[in-house]
Amino acid sequence: MLLKDLCARLPYGVKGKVETTDGNGKEIKDEGVINSVFINEHGAAYICIEGMEYELDDVKPYLRPMGSMTEEEKCQFRDFVDWDYDCNWKANTLEELLNGNRIISRYVFELFDWLNACHFDYRGLIPMGLALEAPEGMYIN
């Protein structure tokens, strides 16, 4: 799930953090924009941050919780959906935000592009431990 998510976010400058060790037990920490994602000939997934390659399991992207939407972003979100129910603005996923209602939208692709561009964690990767909560102001729209 993380690999799919990161691939969709590459055009939007998603940032990530690496914590791992090298073969000698030396701790490696890095942070920066995720530049690319690739799978080698053995099927192992790698992430490039600022030109350095890391195994997928060692990288966590910084994402914004769905509940961190500003009032302006809530209005923008509502512009994408032909639906006017009360949203659960403290939700962890898009499904929770919609309170179980379905999205009826002519702009579904644009909605997901917008969610990725704003770095929202609409899949719930933060609670799963697959992503980190972005510090406030990390992504300025």
C-alpha atoms as a PDB file:
ATOM      1  CA  MET A   1       0.000   0.000   0.000  1.00  0.00           C
ATOM      2  CA  LEU A   2       2.858   2.400   0.824  1.00  0.00           C
ATOM      3  CA  LEU A   3       4.501   1.827  -2.569  1.00  0.00           C
ATOM      4  CA  LYS A   4       1.263   2.631  -4.440  1.00  0.00           C
ATOM      5  CA  ASP A   5       0.698   5.701  -2.302  1.00  0.00           C
ATOM      6  CA  LEU A   6       4.216   7.072  -2.809  1.00  0.00           C
ATOM      7  CA  CYS A   7       4.084   6.573  -6.575  1.00  0.00           C
ATOM      8  CA  ALA A   8       0.942   8.725  -6.766  1.00  0.00           C
ATOM      9  CA  ARG A   9       2.568  11.452  -4.658  1.00  0.00           C
ATOM     10  CA  LEU A  10       5.880  11.797  -6.545  1.00  0.00           C
ATOM     11  CA  PRO A  11       4.799  14.764  -8.709  1.00  0.00           C
ATOM     12  CA  TYR A  12       3.856  16.744  -5.582  1.00  0.00           C
ATOM     13  CA  GLY A  13       7.157  16.816  -3.692  1.00  0.00           C
ATOM     14  CA  VAL A  14       6.266  14.515  -0.822  1.00  0.00           C
ATOM     15  CA  LYS A  15       8.925  14.516   1.895  1.00  0.00           C
ATOM     16  CA  GLY A  16      10.180  11.464   3.724  1.00  0.00           C
ATOM     17  CA  LYS A  17      12.337  10.370   6.609  1.00  0.00           C
ATOM     18  CA  VAL A  18      14.796   7.474   6.668  1.00  0.00           C
ATOM     19  CA  GLU A  19      15.974   5.615   9.737  1.00  0.00           C
ATOM     20  CA  THR A  20      18.105   2.536   9.153  1.00  0.00           C
ATOM     21  CA  THR A  21      21.575   1.088   9.717  1.00  0.00           C
ATOM     22  CA  ASP A  22      24.287   0.135   7.264  1.00  0.00           C
ATOM     23  CA  GLY A  23      26.026  -3.250   7.130  1.00  0.00           C
ATOM     24  CA  ASN A  24      28.381  -2.199   9.924  1.00  0.00           C
ATOM     25  CA  GLY A  25      25.607  -1.203  12.320  1.00  0.00           C
ATOM     26  CA  LYS A  26      26.145   2.508  11.727  1.00  0.00           C
ATOM     27  CA  GLU A  27      22.899   4.484  12.078  1.00  0.00           C
ATOM     28  CA  ILE A  28      21.730   6.265   8.931  1.00  0.00           C
ATOM     29  CA  LYS A  29      19.182   9.081   9.115  1.00  0.00           C
ATOM     30  CA  ASP A  30      18.076  11.206   6.200  1.00  0.00           C
ATOM     31  CA  GLU A  31      15.208  13.521   5.341  1.00  0.00           C
ATOM     32  CA  GLY A  32      14.149  15.197   2.162  1.00  0.00           C
ATOM     33  CA  VAL A  33      11.987  15.109  -0.935  1.00  0.00           C
ATOM     34  CA  ILE A  34      11.294  11.671  -2.343  1.00  0.00           C
ATOM     35  CA  ASN A  35      12.622  11.874  -5.904  1.00  0.00           C
ATOM     36  CA  SER A  36      11.773   8.431  -7.273  1.00  0.00           C
ATOM     37  CA  VAL A  37      10.576   4.940  -6.519  1.00  0.00           C
ATOM     38  CA  PHE A  38      11.812   1.828  -8.290  1.00  0.00           C
ATOM     39  CA  ILE A  39      11.765  -1.947  -8.055  1.00  0.00           C
ATOM     40  CA  ASN A  40      14.983  -3.821  -8.784  1.00  0.00           C
ATOM     41  CA  GLU A  41      15.345  -7.068 -10.766  1.00  0.00           C
ATOM     42  CA  HIS A  42      14.772  -9.095  -7.571  1.00  0.00           C
ATOM     43  CA  GLY A  43      11.481  -7.349  -6.793  1.00  0.00           C
ATOM     44  CA  ALA A  44      12.778  -5.207  -3.914  1.00  0.00           C
ATOM     45  CA  ALA A  45      11.360  -1.669  -3.750  1.00  0.00           C
ATOM     46  CA  TYR A  46      13.670   1.304  -3.256  1.00  0.00           C
ATOM     47  CA  ILE A  47      13.044   4.982  -2.607  1.00  0.00           C
ATOM     48  CA  CYS A  48      15.403   7.781  -3.626  1.00  0.00           C
ATOM     49  CA  ILE A  49      15.642  10.780  -1.322  1.00  0.00           C
ATOM     50  CA  GLU A  50      17.887  13.575  -2.510  1.00  0.00           C
ATOM     51  CA  GLY A  51      19.767  11.110  -4.753  1.00  0.00           C
ATOM     52  CA  MET A  52      20.357   8.408  -2.109  1.00  0.00           C
ATOM     53  CA  GLU A  53      18.649   5.002  -2.402  1.00  0.00           C
ATOM     54  CA  TYR A  54      16.924   3.367   0.557  1.00  0.00           C
ATOM     55  CA  GLU A  55      14.802   0.262   0.985  1.00  0.00           C
ATOM     56  CA  LEU A  56      11.082   0.980   1.073  1.00  0.00           C
ATOM     57  CA  ASP A  57      10.756  -0.383   4.617  1.00  0.00           C
ATOM     58  CA  ASP A  58      13.258   2.203   5.893  1.00  0.00           C
ATOM     59  CA  VAL A  59      11.329   5.216   4.563  1.00  0.00           C
ATOM     60  CA  LYS A  60       8.263   6.917   5.973  1.00  0.00           C
ATOM     61  CA  PRO A  61       6.622   9.809   4.158  1.00  0.00           C
ATOM     62  CA  TYR A  62       5.442  12.888   6.015  1.00  0.00           C
ATOM     63  CA  LEU A  63       1.692  13.250   5.488  1.00  0.00           C
ATOM     64  CA  ARG A  64      -1.005  15.502   6.842  1.00  0.00           C
ATOM     65  CA  PRO A  65      -3.851  13.905   8.783  1.00  0.00           C
ATOM     66  CA  MET A  66      -7.255  14.392   7.172  1.00  0.00           C
ATOM     67  CA  GLY A  67      -8.277  16.238  10.336  1.00  0.00           C
ATOM     68  CA  SER A  68      -5.694  18.960   9.681  1.00  0.00           C
ATOM     69  CA  MET A  69      -7.642  20.541   6.815  1.00  0.00           C
ATOM     70  CA  THR A  70      -7.936  24.296   7.071  1.00  0.00           C
ATOM     71  CA  GLU A  71     -11.303  25.994   6.570  1.00  0.00           C
ATOM     72  CA  GLU A  72     -10.204  26.978   3.059  1.00  0.00           C
ATOM     73  CA  GLU A  73      -9.253  23.377   2.273  1.00  0.00           C
ATOM     74  CA  LYS A  74     -12.606  22.128   3.577  1.00  0.00           C
ATOM     75  CA  CYS A  75     -14.317  24.462   1.099  1.00  0.00           C
ATOM     76  CA  GLN A  76     -12.061  23.224  -1.690  1.00  0.00           C
ATOM     77  CA  PHE A  77     -12.838  19.616  -0.730  1.00  0.00           C
ATOM     78  CA  ARG A  78     -16.566  20.294  -0.872  1.00  0.00           C
ATOM     79  CA  ASP A  79     -16.139  21.808  -4.350  1.00  0.00           C
ATOM     80  CA  PHE A  80     -15.002  18.394  -5.600  1.00  0.00           C
ATOM     81  CA  VAL A  81     -17.974  16.406  -4.339  1.00  0.00           C
ATOM     82  CA  ASP A  82     -21.623  16.688  -5.303  1.00  0.00           C
ATOM     83  CA  TRP A  83     -22.585  16.011  -1.729  1.00  0.00           C
ATOM     84  CA  ASP A  84     -23.406  18.188   1.221  1.00  0.00           C
ATOM     85  CA  TYR A  85     -23.562  15.984   4.312  1.00  0.00           C
ATOM     86  CA  ASP A  86     -21.705  16.766   7.501  1.00  0.00           C
ATOM     87  CA  CYS A  87     -18.137  15.563   7.283  1.00  0.00           C
ATOM     88  CA  ASN A  88     -16.192  14.019  10.143  1.00  0.00           C
ATOM     89  CA  TRP A  89     -13.351  16.542   9.916  1.00  0.00           C
ATOM     90  CA  LYS A  90     -11.354  14.688  12.597  1.00  0.00           C
ATOM     91  CA  ALA A  91     -11.165  11.511  10.498  1.00  0.00           C
ATOM     92  CA  ASN A  92      -8.059   9.438   9.741  1.00  0.00           C
ATOM     93  CA  THR A  93      -9.177   8.288   6.279  1.00  0.00           C
ATOM     94  CA  LEU A  94     -11.279   9.592   3.416  1.00  0.00           C
ATOM     95  CA  GLU A  95     -13.887   6.936   4.197  1.00  0.00           C
ATOM     96  CA  GLU A  96     -14.189   8.144   7.804  1.00  0.00           C
ATOM     97  CA  LEU A  97     -14.312  11.774   6.646  1.00  0.00           C
ATOM     98  CA  LEU A  98     -17.326  10.967   4.500  1.00  0.00           C
ATOM     99  CA  ASN A  99     -19.069   9.212   7.435  1.00  0.00           C
ATOM    100  CA  GLY A 100     -19.711   6.153   5.284  1.00  0.00           C
ATOM    101  CA  ASN A 101     -21.343   8.160   2.476  1.00  0.00           C
ATOM    102  CA  ARG A 102     -20.181   7.559  -1.049  1.00  0.00           C
ATOM    103  CA  ILE A 103     -18.473  10.182  -3.142  1.00  0.00           C
ATOM    104  CA  ILE A 104     -20.556  11.265  -6.064  1.00  0.00           C
ATOM    105  CA  SER A 105     -18.269  13.403  -8.134  1.00  0.00           C
ATOM    106  CA  ARG A 106     -17.569  14.280 -11.711  1.00  0.00           C
ATOM    107  CA  TYR A 107     -14.141  15.299 -10.493  1.00  0.00           C
ATOM    108  CA  VAL A 108     -12.977  12.126  -8.743  1.00  0.00           C
ATOM    109  CA  PHE A 109      -9.554  12.121 -10.440  1.00  0.00           C
ATOM    110  CA  GLU A 110      -9.037  15.794  -9.654  1.00  0.00           C
ATOM    111  CA  LEU A 111     -10.073  15.110  -6.040  1.00  0.00           C
ATOM    112  CA  PHE A 112      -7.338  12.503  -5.596  1.00  0.00           C
ATOM    113  CA  ASP A 113      -4.792  14.739  -7.334  1.00  0.00           C
ATOM    114  CA  TRP A 114      -5.759  17.502  -4.879  1.00  0.00           C
ATOM    115  CA  LEU A 115      -5.534  15.164  -1.853  1.00  0.00           C
ATOM    116  CA  ASN A 116      -2.052  14.075  -2.998  1.00  0.00           C
ATOM    117  CA  ALA A 117      -0.934  17.644  -3.758  1.00  0.00           C
ATOM    118  CA  CYS A 118      -2.012  18.730  -0.266  1.00  0.00           C
ATOM    119  CA  HIS A 119      -0.258  15.668   1.208  1.00  0.00           C
ATOM    120  CA  PHE A 120      -3.352  14.368   3.026  1.00  0.00           C
ATOM    121  CA  ASP A 121      -3.217  10.853   4.474  1.00  0.00           C
ATOM    122  CA  TYR A 122      -6.538   9.700   2.997  1.00  0.00           C
ATOM    123  CA  ARG A 123      -5.556   6.008   3.285  1.00  0.00           C
ATOM    124  CA  GLY A 124      -4.817   6.100   7.011  1.00  0.00           C
ATOM    125  CA  LEU A 125      -1.084   5.322   6.726  1.00  0.00           C
ATOM    126  CA  ILE A 126      -0.184   7.358   9.832  1.00  0.00           C
ATOM    127  CA  PRO A 127      -2.245   5.231  12.252  1.00  0.00           C
ATOM    128  CA  MET A 128      -0.825   2.092  10.570  1.00  0.00           C
ATOM    129  CA  GLY A 129       2.731   3.285  11.294  1.00  0.00           C
ATOM    130  CA  LEU A 130       3.591   3.532   7.577  1.00  0.00           C
ATOM    131  CA  ALA A 131       3.821   7.348   7.531  1.00  0.00           C
ATOM    132  CA  LEU A 132       4.688  10.184   9.893  1.00  0.00           C
ATOM    133  CA  GLU A 133       2.502  13.148  10.737  1.00  0.00           C
ATOM    134  CA  ALA A 134       3.889  16.183   8.944  1.00  0.00           C
ATOM    135  CA  PRO A 135       4.804  19.013  11.312  1.00  0.00           C
ATOM    136  CA  GLU A 136       2.578  22.047  10.922  1.00  0.00           C
ATOM    137  CA  GLY A 137       3.847  24.278   8.133  1.00  0.00           C
ATOM    138  CA  MET A 138       5.976  21.569   6.469  1.00  0.00           C
ATOM    139  CA  TYR A 139       3.859  21.770   3.350  1.00  0.00           C
ATOM    140  CA  ILE A 140       2.789  25.279   2.508  1.00  0.00           C
ATOM    141  CA  ASN A 141       0.162  25.292  -0.239  1.00  0.00           C
END
